[in-house]
Amino acid sequence: MGGKEAAAEILHLDPGARLVVSSGYSEDPVVAQYREFGFVAALGKPYGVSELLAALARAVGDDA
């Protein structure tokens, strides 16, 4: 199961889930258009601590 399918399953179980996608493939449609697939943030690999913290802040609603 890929990230897109996992996100769909998680959101089916918990529509309020706040999901972050991470991938090394920045041109992947799921990463490029992450909101369309139910994610609240996207991280391109490799990423540093500051990028991770920003994504987590968006995920918990501090910067949604």
N, C-alpha and C. Protein backbone atom coordinates (compact mmCIF):
# COMPACT_ATOMS: atom_id res chain seq x y z
N MET A 1 0.85 -1.18 0.00
CA MET A 1 0.00 0.00 0.00
C MET A 1 0.89 1.23 0.00
N GLY A 2 0.61 2.15 -0.90
CA GLY A 2 1.37 3.40 -0.97
C GLY A 2 0.77 4.47 -0.08
N GLY A 3 1.41 5.62 -0.09
CA GLY A 3 0.96 6.73 0.75
C GLY A 3 -0.43 7.21 0.42
N LYS A 4 -0.77 7.26 -0.86
CA LYS A 4 -2.10 7.72 -1.27
C LYS A 4 -3.17 6.79 -0.74
N GLU A 5 -2.93 5.48 -0.86
CA GLU A 5 -3.90 4.50 -0.37
C GLU A 5 -3.97 4.49 1.16
N ALA A 6 -2.82 4.63 1.80
CA ALA A 6 -2.79 4.67 3.27
C ALA A 6 -3.55 5.90 3.78
N ALA A 7 -3.35 7.04 3.12
CA ALA A 7 -4.06 8.25 3.52
C ALA A 7 -5.56 8.06 3.38
N ALA A 8 -6.01 7.46 2.30
CA ALA A 8 -7.44 7.24 2.10
C ALA A 8 -8.00 6.35 3.21
N GLU A 9 -7.27 5.30 3.57
CA GLU A 9 -7.72 4.40 4.64
C GLU A 9 -7.78 5.13 5.99
N ILE A 10 -6.73 5.89 6.29
CA ILE A 10 -6.69 6.62 7.56
C ILE A 10 -7.84 7.63 7.62
N LEU A 11 -8.04 8.36 6.54
CA LEU A 11 -9.11 9.36 6.53
C LEU A 11 -10.49 8.72 6.55
N HIS A 12 -10.61 7.50 6.05
CA HIS A 12 -11.87 6.77 6.15
C HIS A 12 -12.17 6.45 7.62
N LEU A 13 -11.13 6.04 8.35
CA LEU A 13 -11.29 5.71 9.77
C LEU A 13 -11.42 6.94 10.65
N ASP A 14 -10.70 8.01 10.27
CA ASP A 14 -10.70 9.23 11.06
C ASP A 14 -10.65 10.44 10.12
N PRO A 15 -11.80 10.94 9.70
CA PRO A 15 -11.84 12.06 8.75
C PRO A 15 -11.12 13.32 9.25
N GLY A 16 -10.88 13.41 10.53
CA GLY A 16 -10.19 14.58 11.08
C GLY A 16 -8.69 14.42 11.19
N ALA A 17 -8.16 13.30 10.71
CA ALA A 17 -6.72 13.06 10.78
C ALA A 17 -5.95 14.12 10.00
N ARG A 18 -4.82 14.51 10.52
CA ARG A 18 -3.96 15.53 9.87
C ARG A 18 -2.70 14.81 9.41
N LEU A 19 -2.58 14.59 8.12
CA LEU A 19 -1.52 13.77 7.55
C LEU A 19 -0.45 14.58 6.85
N VAL A 20 0.79 14.11 6.98
CA VAL A 20 1.94 14.73 6.31
C VAL A 20 2.54 13.68 5.37
N VAL A 21 2.75 14.04 4.12
CA VAL A 21 3.38 13.14 3.16
C VAL A 21 4.85 13.54 3.01
N SER A 22 5.71 12.53 2.88
CA SER A 22 7.13 12.77 2.67
C SER A 22 7.63 11.85 1.58
N SER A 23 8.39 12.42 0.64
CA SER A 23 8.89 11.64 -0.47
C SER A 23 10.13 12.29 -1.07
N GLY A 24 10.94 11.48 -1.69
CA GLY A 24 12.09 11.98 -2.42
C GLY A 24 11.74 12.32 -3.86
N TYR A 25 10.50 12.08 -4.24
CA TYR A 25 10.05 12.33 -5.61
C TYR A 25 9.15 13.57 -5.62
N SER A 26 9.75 14.73 -5.77
CA SER A 26 8.99 15.99 -5.67
C SER A 26 7.99 16.16 -6.81
N GLU A 27 8.20 15.47 -7.93
CA GLU A 27 7.27 15.60 -9.04
C GLU A 27 6.11 14.61 -8.96
N ASP A 28 6.11 13.76 -7.95
CA ASP A 28 5.00 12.83 -7.73
C ASP A 28 3.73 13.64 -7.51
N PRO A 29 2.63 13.32 -8.21
CA PRO A 29 1.39 14.10 -8.06
C PRO A 29 0.89 14.16 -6.62
N VAL A 30 1.12 13.12 -5.84
CA VAL A 30 0.66 13.12 -4.45
C VAL A 30 1.41 14.18 -3.65
N VAL A 31 2.69 14.34 -3.91
CA VAL A 31 3.49 15.34 -3.21
C VAL A 31 3.21 16.73 -3.77
N ALA A 32 3.17 16.84 -5.07
CA ALA A 32 2.96 18.14 -5.71
C ALA A 32 1.59 18.73 -5.41
N GLN A 33 0.58 17.86 -5.27
CA GLN A 33 -0.80 18.31 -5.02
C GLN A 33 -1.33 17.62 -3.76
N TYR A 34 -0.54 17.67 -2.71
CA TYR A 34 -0.82 16.89 -1.50
C TYR A 34 -2.19 17.15 -0.89
N ARG A 35 -2.68 18.37 -0.93
CA ARG A 35 -3.99 18.67 -0.33
C ARG A 35 -5.12 17.92 -1.02
N GLU A 36 -4.98 17.69 -2.32
CA GLU A 36 -6.01 16.95 -3.06
C GLU A 36 -6.11 15.50 -2.61
N PHE A 37 -5.07 15.00 -1.95
CA PHE A 37 -5.05 13.62 -1.49
C PHE A 37 -5.26 13.50 0.01
N GLY A 38 -5.62 14.61 0.67
CA GLY A 38 -5.96 14.58 2.08
C GLY A 38 -4.83 14.90 3.04
N PHE A 39 -3.67 15.28 2.51
CA PHE A 39 -2.54 15.64 3.37
C PHE A 39 -2.60 17.12 3.70
N VAL A 40 -2.06 17.49 4.87
CA VAL A 40 -2.04 18.90 5.27
C VAL A 40 -0.69 19.55 5.03
N ALA A 41 0.33 18.72 4.76
CA ALA A 41 1.67 19.23 4.51
C ALA A 41 2.46 18.19 3.73
N ALA A 42 3.51 18.66 3.07
CA ALA A 42 4.39 17.77 2.32
C ALA A 42 5.84 18.13 2.61
N LEU A 43 6.65 17.10 2.72
CA LEU A 43 8.09 17.28 2.94
C LEU A 43 8.85 16.57 1.84
N GLY A 44 9.71 17.30 1.16
CA GLY A 44 10.58 16.69 0.17
C GLY A 44 11.85 16.20 0.85
N LYS A 45 12.26 14.99 0.52
CA LYS A 45 13.49 14.44 1.09
C LYS A 45 14.66 14.88 0.24
N PRO A 46 15.80 15.11 0.82
CA PRO A 46 16.03 15.14 2.27
C PRO A 46 15.52 16.45 2.87
N TYR A 47 15.22 16.41 4.13
CA TYR A 47 14.76 17.61 4.82
C TYR A 47 15.46 17.72 6.16
N GLY A 48 15.50 18.93 6.65
CA GLY A 48 16.16 19.19 7.93
C GLY A 48 15.14 19.36 9.05
N VAL A 49 15.66 19.60 10.21
CA VAL A 49 14.82 19.75 11.40
C VAL A 49 13.84 20.90 11.25
N SER A 50 14.28 22.02 10.69
CA SER A 50 13.39 23.18 10.58
C SER A 50 12.23 22.88 9.64
N GLU A 51 12.48 22.16 8.54
CA GLU A 51 11.38 21.80 7.63
C GLU A 51 10.42 20.82 8.30
N LEU A 52 10.97 19.87 9.04
CA LEU A 52 10.13 18.91 9.77
C LEU A 52 9.26 19.62 10.80
N LEU A 53 9.85 20.53 11.54
CA LEU A 53 9.08 21.27 12.55
C LEU A 53 7.97 22.09 11.91
N ALA A 54 8.26 22.72 10.78
CA ALA A 54 7.23 23.52 10.08
C ALA A 54 6.08 22.63 9.61
N ALA A 55 6.40 21.47 9.08
CA ALA A 55 5.35 20.54 8.61
C ALA A 55 4.52 20.05 9.79
N LEU A 56 5.18 19.73 10.89
CA LEU A 56 4.43 19.27 12.07
C LEU A 56 3.56 20.38 12.64
N ALA A 57 4.04 21.61 12.59
CA ALA A 57 3.22 22.74 13.05
C ALA A 57 1.97 22.86 12.20
N ARG A 58 2.12 22.69 10.87
CA ARG A 58 0.94 22.73 9.99
C ARG A 58 0.02 21.56 10.31
N ALA A 59 0.59 20.42 10.59
CA ALA A 59 -0.21 19.22 10.86
C ALA A 59 -1.07 19.37 12.12
N VAL A 60 -0.54 20.06 13.11
CA VAL A 60 -1.30 20.22 14.35
C VAL A 60 -2.11 21.50 14.35
N GLY A 61 -2.03 22.24 13.24
CA GLY A 61 -2.90 23.40 13.09
C GLY A 61 -2.30 24.72 13.50
N ASP A 62 -1.00 24.74 13.83
CA ASP A 62 -0.37 26.00 14.23
C ASP A 62 -0.19 26.92 13.04
N ASP A 63 -0.16 26.36 11.82
CA ASP A 63 0.10 27.16 10.63
C ASP A 63 -0.70 26.58 9.45
N ALA A 64 -1.93 26.17 9.72
CA ALA A 64 -2.74 25.48 8.69
C ALA A 64 -3.29 26.43 7.68
